[in-house]
Amino acid sequence: MTPAGYPRPLPRPKPVKPKAGQESVWDYPRPPRVEHMPQRVVVRLGGTVIVDTTDAVRVLETSHPPVYYVPIAAFPEGVLVPLQGTSFCEFKGEAHYFDVVAGGVVAERAGWIYPEPTRRFEELATRVALYPGQMDSCEIDGELVTSQAGDFYGGWITKNLVGPFKGAPGTMGW
């Protein structure tokens, strides 16, 4: 029985077999790992470029599209507005949130950081992740990314990824 208002969990899905040049999110590890990415990451909000960097890392976790983290120093001053309140990740520790503000647009609680991450995730201490669905656009090497379904995770989906992806209603139990 599920609590009122919560969708019944879906059975664990059958992973899509990746073709040449593709990655399956079901081949990602659990616990997750941090991986350096040399690609160019460009993020726009309010018609303004708020990030343009080749210094990104991504966190890979089973069933999830990667979450990209960029240096806090890559953001122009005033774009990240710290908020009260935190959440907790069993792997990375306590997350702190930001409103992301640019070009007259406020994306509420759209960025987060782990200022004191757990062991193995130290690189995230000076990096911010963004929900791509709350930005005008997020690109990796010129490819527009799609946002992971749902409003809990912040995965970035590119054409080389296959799933199915966690995040949609009923997938929390995967």
C-alpha atoms as a PDB file:
ATOM      1  CA  MET A   1       0.000   0.000   0.000  1.00  0.00           C
ATOM      2  CA  THR A   2       1.299   3.477  -0.830  1.00  0.00           C
ATOM      3  CA  PRO A   3       0.518   6.687   1.076  1.00  0.00           C
ATOM      4  CA  ALA A   4      -2.256   8.826  -0.414  1.00  0.00           C
ATOM      5  CA  GLY A   5      -0.993  11.029  -3.217  1.00  0.00           C
ATOM      6  CA  TYR A   6       2.061   8.891  -3.983  1.00  0.00           C
ATOM      7  CA  PRO A   7       2.201   6.834  -7.158  1.00  0.00           C
ATOM      8  CA  ARG A   8       2.596   3.090  -6.814  1.00  0.00           C
ATOM      9  CA  PRO A   9       6.273   2.182  -7.413  1.00  0.00           C
ATOM     10  CA  LEU A  10       6.991   0.801 -10.859  1.00  0.00           C
ATOM     11  CA  PRO A  11       8.821  -2.525 -11.130  1.00  0.00           C
ATOM     12  CA  ARG A  12      12.542  -2.298 -11.768  1.00  0.00           C
ATOM     13  CA  PRO A  13      12.848  -1.660 -15.508  1.00  0.00           C
ATOM     14  CA  LYS A  14      14.798  -3.531 -18.103  1.00  0.00           C
ATOM     15  CA  PRO A  15      17.798  -1.382 -19.093  1.00  0.00           C
ATOM     16  CA  VAL A  16      18.174  -0.375 -22.739  1.00  0.00           C
ATOM     17  CA  LYS A  17      21.277  -1.969 -24.215  1.00  0.00           C
ATOM     18  CA  PRO A  18      23.639   0.813 -25.337  1.00  0.00           C
ATOM     19  CA  LYS A  19      24.820   0.958 -28.928  1.00  0.00           C
ATOM     20  CA  ALA A  20      28.274   2.106 -30.029  1.00  0.00           C
ATOM     21  CA  GLY A  21      28.976   5.578 -28.629  1.00  0.00           C
ATOM     22  CA  GLN A  22      26.191   5.385 -26.051  1.00  0.00           C
ATOM     23  CA  GLU A  23      26.230   5.066 -22.254  1.00  0.00           C
ATOM     24  CA  SER A  24      23.625   3.278 -20.176  1.00  0.00           C
ATOM     25  CA  VAL A  25      22.797   4.899 -16.871  1.00  0.00           C
ATOM     26  CA  TRP A  26      22.364   1.346 -15.592  1.00  0.00           C
ATOM     27  CA  ASP A  27      26.134   0.841 -15.995  1.00  0.00           C
ATOM     28  CA  TYR A  28      26.848   3.758 -13.643  1.00  0.00           C
ATOM     29  CA  PRO A  29      27.988   2.825 -10.121  1.00  0.00           C
ATOM     30  CA  ARG A  30      26.237   2.885  -6.774  1.00  0.00           C
ATOM     31  CA  PRO A  31      27.528   4.509  -4.669  1.00  0.00           C
ATOM     32  CA  PRO A  32      28.069   7.241  -7.257  1.00  0.00           C
ATOM     33  CA  ARG A  33      31.400   8.551  -8.512  1.00  0.00           C
ATOM     34  CA  VAL A  34      32.715  11.937  -9.626  1.00  0.00           C
ATOM     35  CA  GLU A  35      34.204  12.164 -13.112  1.00  0.00           C
ATOM     36  CA  HIS A  36      36.018  15.100 -14.732  1.00  0.00           C
ATOM     37  CA  MET A  37      34.548  16.270 -18.030  1.00  0.00           C
ATOM     38  CA  PRO A  38      36.594  18.310 -20.498  1.00  0.00           C
ATOM     39  CA  GLN A  39      33.576  19.391 -22.561  1.00  0.00           C
ATOM     40  CA  ARG A  40      32.392  22.975 -22.724  1.00  0.00           C
ATOM     41  CA  VAL A  41      29.355  23.624 -20.509  1.00  0.00           C
ATOM     42  CA  VAL A  42      27.240  26.683 -21.300  1.00  0.00           C
ATOM     43  CA  VAL A  43      24.171  27.670 -19.275  1.00  0.00           C
ATOM     44  CA  ARG A  44      21.748  30.493 -20.058  1.00  0.00           C
ATOM     45  CA  LEU A  45      19.085  32.112 -17.893  1.00  0.00           C
ATOM     46  CA  GLY A  46      17.083  35.248 -18.635  1.00  0.00           C
ATOM     47  CA  GLY A  47      18.750  35.462 -22.047  1.00  0.00           C
ATOM     48  CA  THR A  48      22.157  35.720 -20.337  1.00  0.00           C
ATOM     49  CA  VAL A  49      25.080  33.305 -20.313  1.00  0.00           C
ATOM     50  CA  ILE A  50      25.600  32.531 -16.625  1.00  0.00           C
ATOM     51  CA  VAL A  51      28.180  29.741 -17.069  1.00  0.00           C
ATOM     52  CA  ASP A  52      30.726  29.063 -19.800  1.00  0.00           C
ATOM     53  CA  THR A  53      33.407  26.640 -18.643  1.00  0.00           C
ATOM     54  CA  THR A  54      35.436  23.577 -19.565  1.00  0.00           C
ATOM     55  CA  ASP A  55      36.040  22.812 -15.869  1.00  0.00           C
ATOM     56  CA  ALA A  56      33.039  20.600 -15.071  1.00  0.00           C
ATOM     57  CA  VAL A  57      32.628  17.337 -13.233  1.00  0.00           C
ATOM     58  CA  ARG A  58      29.680  15.007 -13.399  1.00  0.00           C
ATOM     59  CA  VAL A  59      28.312  12.646 -10.777  1.00  0.00           C
ATOM     60  CA  LEU A  60      27.340   9.243 -12.121  1.00  0.00           C
ATOM     61  CA  GLU A  61      24.863   7.062 -10.223  1.00  0.00           C
ATOM     62  CA  THR A  62      22.949   3.956 -11.277  1.00  0.00           C
ATOM     63  CA  SER A  63      19.691   4.767 -13.117  1.00  0.00           C
ATOM     64  CA  HIS A  64      20.307   8.540 -13.100  1.00  0.00           C
ATOM     65  CA  PRO A  65      21.379  10.841 -15.917  1.00  0.00           C
ATOM     66  CA  PRO A  66      24.623  12.571 -14.872  1.00  0.00           C
ATOM     67  CA  VAL A  67      24.438  15.685 -12.710  1.00  0.00           C
ATOM     68  CA  TYR A  68      26.942  18.317 -13.831  1.00  0.00           C
ATOM     69  CA  TYR A  69      28.768  20.505 -11.315  1.00  0.00           C
ATOM     70  CA  VAL A  70      30.597  23.662 -12.377  1.00  0.00           C
ATOM     71  CA  PRO A  71      32.923  25.890 -10.338  1.00  0.00           C
ATOM     72  CA  ILE A  72      31.137  28.461  -8.226  1.00  0.00           C
ATOM     73  CA  ALA A  73      33.745  30.908  -9.572  1.00  0.00           C
ATOM     74  CA  ALA A  74      32.349  30.364 -13.113  1.00  0.00           C
ATOM     75  CA  PHE A  75      29.185  32.309 -12.219  1.00  0.00           C
ATOM     76  CA  PRO A  76      29.051  36.103 -12.496  1.00  0.00           C
ATOM     77  CA  GLU A  77      28.630  37.918  -9.204  1.00  0.00           C
ATOM     78  CA  GLY A  78      25.023  38.107  -8.017  1.00  0.00           C
ATOM     79  CA  VAL A  79      23.736  35.154 -10.064  1.00  0.00           C
ATOM     80  CA  LEU A  80      23.727  32.745  -7.113  1.00  0.00           C
ATOM     81  CA  VAL A  81      21.645  33.876  -4.146  1.00  0.00           C
ATOM     82  CA  PRO A  82      22.122  31.629  -1.069  1.00  0.00           C
ATOM     83  CA  LEU A  83      18.971  30.303   0.589  1.00  0.00           C
ATOM     84  CA  GLN A  84      18.070  28.952   4.001  1.00  0.00           C
ATOM     85  CA  GLY A  85      17.430  25.234   4.347  1.00  0.00           C
ATOM     86  CA  THR A  86      19.281  22.111   3.339  1.00  0.00           C
ATOM     87  CA  SER A  87      18.714  18.558   2.196  1.00  0.00           C
ATOM     88  CA  PHE A  88      20.757  15.442   2.798  1.00  0.00           C
ATOM     89  CA  CYS A  89      22.242  12.930   0.381  1.00  0.00           C
ATOM     90  CA  GLU A  90      23.339   9.613   1.856  1.00  0.00           C
ATOM     91  CA  PHE A  91      26.461   9.715  -0.332  1.00  0.00           C
ATOM     92  CA  LYS A  92      27.460  13.385  -0.681  1.00  0.00           C
ATOM     93  CA  GLY A  93      26.251  14.912   2.577  1.00  0.00           C
ATOM     94  CA  GLU A  94      24.329  18.136   3.216  1.00  0.00           C
ATOM     95  CA  ALA A  95      23.284  20.235   0.214  1.00  0.00           C
ATOM     96  CA  HIS A  96      22.773  23.995   0.399  1.00  0.00           C
ATOM     97  CA  TYR A  97      20.619  25.784  -2.181  1.00  0.00           C
ATOM     98  CA  PHE A  98      20.625  28.903  -4.327  1.00  0.00           C
ATOM     99  CA  ASP A  99      18.112  30.903  -6.268  1.00  0.00           C
ATOM    100  CA  VAL A 100      19.656  31.540  -9.691  1.00  0.00           C
ATOM    101  CA  VAL A 101      19.062  35.084 -10.954  1.00  0.00           C
ATOM    102  CA  ALA A 102      19.860  36.607 -14.366  1.00  0.00           C
ATOM    103  CA  GLY A 103      18.234  38.852 -16.953  1.00  0.00           C
ATOM    104  CA  GLY A 104      15.291  39.624 -14.691  1.00  0.00           C
ATOM    105  CA  VAL A 105      14.491  35.907 -14.188  1.00  0.00           C
ATOM    106  CA  VAL A 106      14.600  34.149 -10.816  1.00  0.00           C
ATOM    107  CA  ALA A 107      14.895  30.355 -10.922  1.00  0.00           C
ATOM    108  CA  GLU A 108      13.920  29.445  -7.376  1.00  0.00           C
ATOM    109  CA  ARG A 109      16.048  26.880  -5.546  1.00  0.00           C
ATOM    110  CA  ALA A 110      17.551  25.896  -8.921  1.00  0.00           C
ATOM    111  CA  GLY A 111      21.168  25.410  -7.805  1.00  0.00           C
ATOM    112  CA  TRP A 112      22.889  23.532  -5.016  1.00  0.00           C
ATOM    113  CA  ILE A 113      26.308  22.879  -3.521  1.00  0.00           C
ATOM    114  CA  TYR A 114      27.809  20.495  -0.976  1.00  0.00           C
ATOM    115  CA  PRO A 115      30.084  22.898   0.958  1.00  0.00           C
ATOM    116  CA  GLU A 116      31.347  20.115   3.259  1.00  0.00           C
ATOM    117  CA  PRO A 117      30.883  16.927   1.228  1.00  0.00           C
ATOM    118  CA  THR A 118      31.684  13.466   2.458  1.00  0.00           C
ATOM    119  CA  ARG A 119      34.875  11.597   1.629  1.00  0.00           C
ATOM    120  CA  ARG A 120      35.201  10.795  -2.116  1.00  0.00           C
ATOM    121  CA  PHE A 121      33.094  13.854  -3.046  1.00  0.00           C
ATOM    122  CA  GLU A 122      35.492  16.590  -1.887  1.00  0.00           C
ATOM    123  CA  GLU A 123      35.618  18.078  -5.411  1.00  0.00           C
ATOM    124  CA  LEU A 124      32.004  19.175  -5.050  1.00  0.00           C
ATOM    125  CA  ALA A 125      32.807  21.611  -2.203  1.00  0.00           C
ATOM    126  CA  THR A 126      33.454  24.475  -4.646  1.00  0.00           C
ATOM    127  CA  ARG A 127      31.035  23.423  -7.397  1.00  0.00           C
ATOM    128  CA  VAL A 128      27.387  24.140  -8.076  1.00  0.00           C
ATOM    129  CA  ALA A 129      24.829  21.902  -9.805  1.00  0.00           C
ATOM    130  CA  LEU A 130      21.802  23.332 -11.621  1.00  0.00           C
ATOM    131  CA  TYR A 131      18.417  21.929 -12.533  1.00  0.00           C
ATOM    132  CA  PRO A 132      18.570  22.167 -16.336  1.00  0.00           C
ATOM    133  CA  GLY A 133      14.770  22.356 -16.612  1.00  0.00           C
ATOM    134  CA  GLN A 134      14.788  25.660 -14.708  1.00  0.00           C
ATOM    135  CA  MET A 135      17.353  27.293 -16.995  1.00  0.00           C
ATOM    136  CA  ASP A 136      16.716  28.758 -20.474  1.00  0.00           C
ATOM    137  CA  SER A 137      19.199  26.216 -21.770  1.00  0.00           C
ATOM    138  CA  CYS A 138      22.100  24.022 -20.769  1.00  0.00           C
ATOM    139  CA  GLU A 139      24.579  22.781 -23.364  1.00  0.00           C
ATOM    140  CA  ILE A 140      27.432  20.315 -23.398  1.00  0.00           C
ATOM    141  CA  ASP A 141      29.773  20.923 -26.334  1.00  0.00           C
ATOM    142  CA  GLY A 142      26.943  22.690 -28.158  1.00  0.00           C
ATOM    143  CA  GLU A 143      24.369  19.931 -27.566  1.00  0.00           C
ATOM    144  CA  LEU A 144      21.212  21.098 -25.827  1.00  0.00           C
ATOM    145  CA  VAL A 145      20.486  18.846 -22.853  1.00  0.00           C
ATOM    146  CA  THR A 146      17.121  17.580 -21.681  1.00  0.00           C
ATOM    147  CA  SER A 147      16.181  17.672 -18.026  1.00  0.00           C
ATOM    148  CA  GLN A 148      15.650  14.518 -16.004  1.00  0.00           C
ATOM    149  CA  ALA A 149      11.943  13.976 -15.269  1.00  0.00           C
ATOM    150  CA  GLY A 150      10.579  14.997 -11.896  1.00  0.00           C
ATOM    151  CA  ASP A 151      11.667  17.786  -9.604  1.00  0.00           C
ATOM    152  CA  PHE A 152      13.947  15.914  -7.229  1.00  0.00           C
ATOM    153  CA  TYR A 153      17.017  15.012  -9.283  1.00  0.00           C
ATOM    154  CA  GLY A 154      19.004  17.313 -11.556  1.00  0.00           C
ATOM    155  CA  GLY A 155      20.235  14.996 -14.304  1.00  0.00           C
ATOM    156  CA  TRP A 156      21.335  16.230 -17.704  1.00  0.00           C
ATOM    157  CA  ILE A 157      20.237  13.972 -20.558  1.00  0.00           C
ATOM    158  CA  THR A 158      22.234  13.969 -23.794  1.00  0.00           C
ATOM    159  CA  LYS A 159      21.651  11.991 -26.981  1.00  0.00           C
ATOM    160  CA  ASN A 160      24.347   9.448 -26.056  1.00  0.00           C
ATOM    161  CA  LEU A 161      22.501   8.298 -22.895  1.00  0.00           C
ATOM    162  CA  VAL A 162      20.072   5.409 -22.674  1.00  0.00           C
ATOM    163  CA  GLY A 163      17.856   4.499 -19.745  1.00  0.00           C
ATOM    164  CA  PRO A 164      15.219   4.204 -18.631  1.00  0.00           C
ATOM    165  CA  PHE A 165      15.911   7.098 -16.267  1.00  0.00           C
ATOM    166  CA  LYS A 166      14.856   7.421 -12.641  1.00  0.00           C
ATOM    167  CA  GLY A 167      12.869  10.535 -11.768  1.00  0.00           C
ATOM    168  CA  ALA A 168       9.414  10.166 -13.293  1.00  0.00           C
ATOM    169  CA  PRO A 169       6.433   9.349 -11.035  1.00  0.00           C
ATOM    170  CA  GLY A 170       6.651   5.782  -9.752  1.00  0.00           C
ATOM    171  CA  THR A 171      10.418   5.445 -10.221  1.00  0.00           C
ATOM    172  CA  MET A 172      11.594   6.491  -6.757  1.00  0.00           C
ATOM    173  CA  GLY A 173      11.781   2.845  -5.636  1.00  0.00           C
ATOM    174  CA  TRP A 174      14.239   1.788  -8.328  1.00  0.00           C
END
